[in-house]
Structure formats: structure tokens, C-alpha cells
Amino acid sequence: MCVKDVVIHNQVGLHARPATFFIQKANEFKSAIWVEKDDRKVNAKSLLGVLSLGIVGGTSIKIIVDGSDEKEALNSLVELVESGFVD
């Protein structure tokens, strides 16, 4: 299992479009992936789950990955978040 804390830097946070990018990236991997904020943990492959966390700009989240490609998945998702959701 790999875990990393990251801060959402873009202004709108993890809503609508950025959340879609995040979920699409998470779905590229076989590992189970969760996003945790304030002791609430949701499936990172679920749009409704991620949106339900209400993640705004400046918020710190925890990305938790468990599976055969966990390191690659974690690095890819952290890179996406740190880029401000720009490919």
C-alpha cells in the first residue's frame, strides 16, 4: 500500500472537470485507489464519491493506492494534482 498527502493547487479545487481528469487517470490502473479528506475516504474511481468530498483549492488530501501497479498509479495521480490538472 502506498499513501501520499498532496495539496490541491488549482482555484476551483477537485470539482467537475478536474475531478473527471483525476478519475480518468485513476481508472487507467488496476489498483484500488482512494481519496481521503478529513477522515472521509472515497473510491477515487467514482465521480460522485470524489465530488462528495467538496475539495476546494488549497485543501490537503491523501491518496491511498493498493495493488499490483500502486507505485505507478500513485506517482501518476500526484503528478496530475501537482500540475494543476493540466496535461
Protein backbone atom coordinates (compact mmCIF):
# COMPACT_ATOMS: atom_id res chain seq x y z
CA MET A 1 0.00 0.00 0.00
CA CYS A 2 1.26 3.49 -0.93
CA VAL A 3 -0.02 6.72 0.65
CA LYS A 4 0.81 10.35 -0.14
CA ASP A 5 -0.55 13.69 1.06
CA VAL A 6 -0.96 16.33 -1.65
CA VAL A 7 -2.40 19.84 -1.77
CA ILE A 8 -4.89 20.81 -4.47
CA HIS A 9 -3.39 23.96 -6.01
CA ASN A 10 -5.92 24.93 -8.69
CA GLN A 11 -8.51 27.56 -7.73
CA VAL A 12 -11.68 25.53 -8.23
CA GLY A 13 -10.38 22.50 -6.36
CA LEU A 14 -11.40 18.99 -7.32
CA HIS A 15 -14.75 19.78 -8.93
CA ALA A 16 -16.36 18.80 -12.24
CA ARG A 17 -13.64 18.95 -14.89
CA PRO A 18 -10.54 18.42 -12.67
CA ALA A 19 -12.35 15.60 -10.86
CA THR A 20 -13.11 13.97 -14.21
CA PHE A 21 -9.42 14.13 -15.19
CA PHE A 22 -8.47 12.63 -11.82
CA ILE A 23 -10.99 9.79 -12.13
CA GLN A 24 -10.00 9.01 -15.71
CA LYS A 25 -6.36 8.76 -14.62
CA ALA A 26 -7.29 6.56 -11.63
CA ASN A 27 -9.23 4.22 -13.92
CA GLU A 28 -6.11 3.58 -16.01
CA PHE A 29 -4.76 1.43 -13.17
CA LYS A 30 -5.75 -1.96 -11.73
CA SER A 31 -5.01 -0.97 -8.12
CA ALA A 32 -7.69 0.08 -5.68
CA ILE A 33 -7.41 3.84 -5.20
CA TRP A 34 -8.99 6.03 -2.52
CA VAL A 35 -9.02 9.74 -1.76
CA GLU A 36 -9.24 10.78 1.88
CA LYS A 37 -10.15 14.20 3.29
CA ASP A 38 -10.99 14.91 6.93
CA ASP A 39 -11.30 11.21 7.85
CA ARG A 40 -13.71 10.54 4.93
CA LYS A 41 -12.41 8.05 2.38
CA VAL A 42 -13.97 7.51 -1.05
CA ASN A 43 -13.23 5.46 -4.13
CA ALA A 44 -11.05 7.60 -6.42
CA LYS A 45 -12.63 5.91 -9.44
CA SER A 46 -16.09 7.26 -8.54
CA LEU A 47 -17.08 10.75 -9.71
CA LEU A 48 -19.85 11.08 -7.14
CA GLY A 49 -17.56 9.88 -4.38
CA VAL A 50 -14.81 12.37 -5.21
CA LEU A 51 -17.25 15.25 -5.68
CA SER A 52 -18.92 14.43 -2.34
CA LEU A 53 -15.71 15.34 -0.52
CA GLY A 54 -16.11 19.01 -1.53
CA ILE A 55 -12.39 19.51 -2.17
CA VAL A 56 -11.60 23.19 -2.76
CA GLY A 57 -8.34 24.87 -3.77
CA GLY A 58 -5.71 24.75 -1.02
CA THR A 59 -7.13 21.58 0.53
CA SER A 60 -4.80 18.76 1.52
CA ILE A 61 -5.93 15.27 0.52
CA LYS A 62 -4.48 11.83 0.99
CA ILE A 63 -4.21 9.48 -2.00
CA ILE A 64 -4.15 5.81 -0.98
CA VAL A 65 -3.29 3.12 -3.53
CA ASP A 66 -3.18 -0.65 -3.03
CA GLY A 67 -2.46 -3.15 -5.78
CA SER A 68 -0.06 -4.50 -8.38
CA ASP A 69 0.63 -1.13 -10.04
CA GLU A 70 0.32 1.02 -6.90
CA LYS A 71 3.59 2.96 -7.22
CA GLU A 72 2.96 3.89 -10.84
CA ALA A 73 -0.64 4.85 -10.04
CA LEU A 74 0.32 7.00 -7.07
CA ASN A 75 3.09 8.80 -8.96
CA SER A 76 0.79 9.47 -11.90
CA LEU A 77 -2.02 10.87 -9.74
CA VAL A 78 0.33 13.03 -7.66
CA GLU A 79 1.86 14.39 -10.87
CA LEU A 80 -1.62 15.23 -12.19
CA VAL A 81 -2.59 17.06 -8.98
CA GLU A 82 0.70 18.96 -8.81
CA SER A 83 0.33 20.05 -12.45
CA GLY A 84 -2.95 21.78 -11.57
CA PHE A 85 -4.79 19.21 -13.75
CA VAL A 86 -3.10 20.36 -16.94
CA ASP A 87 -1.91 17.64 -19.28
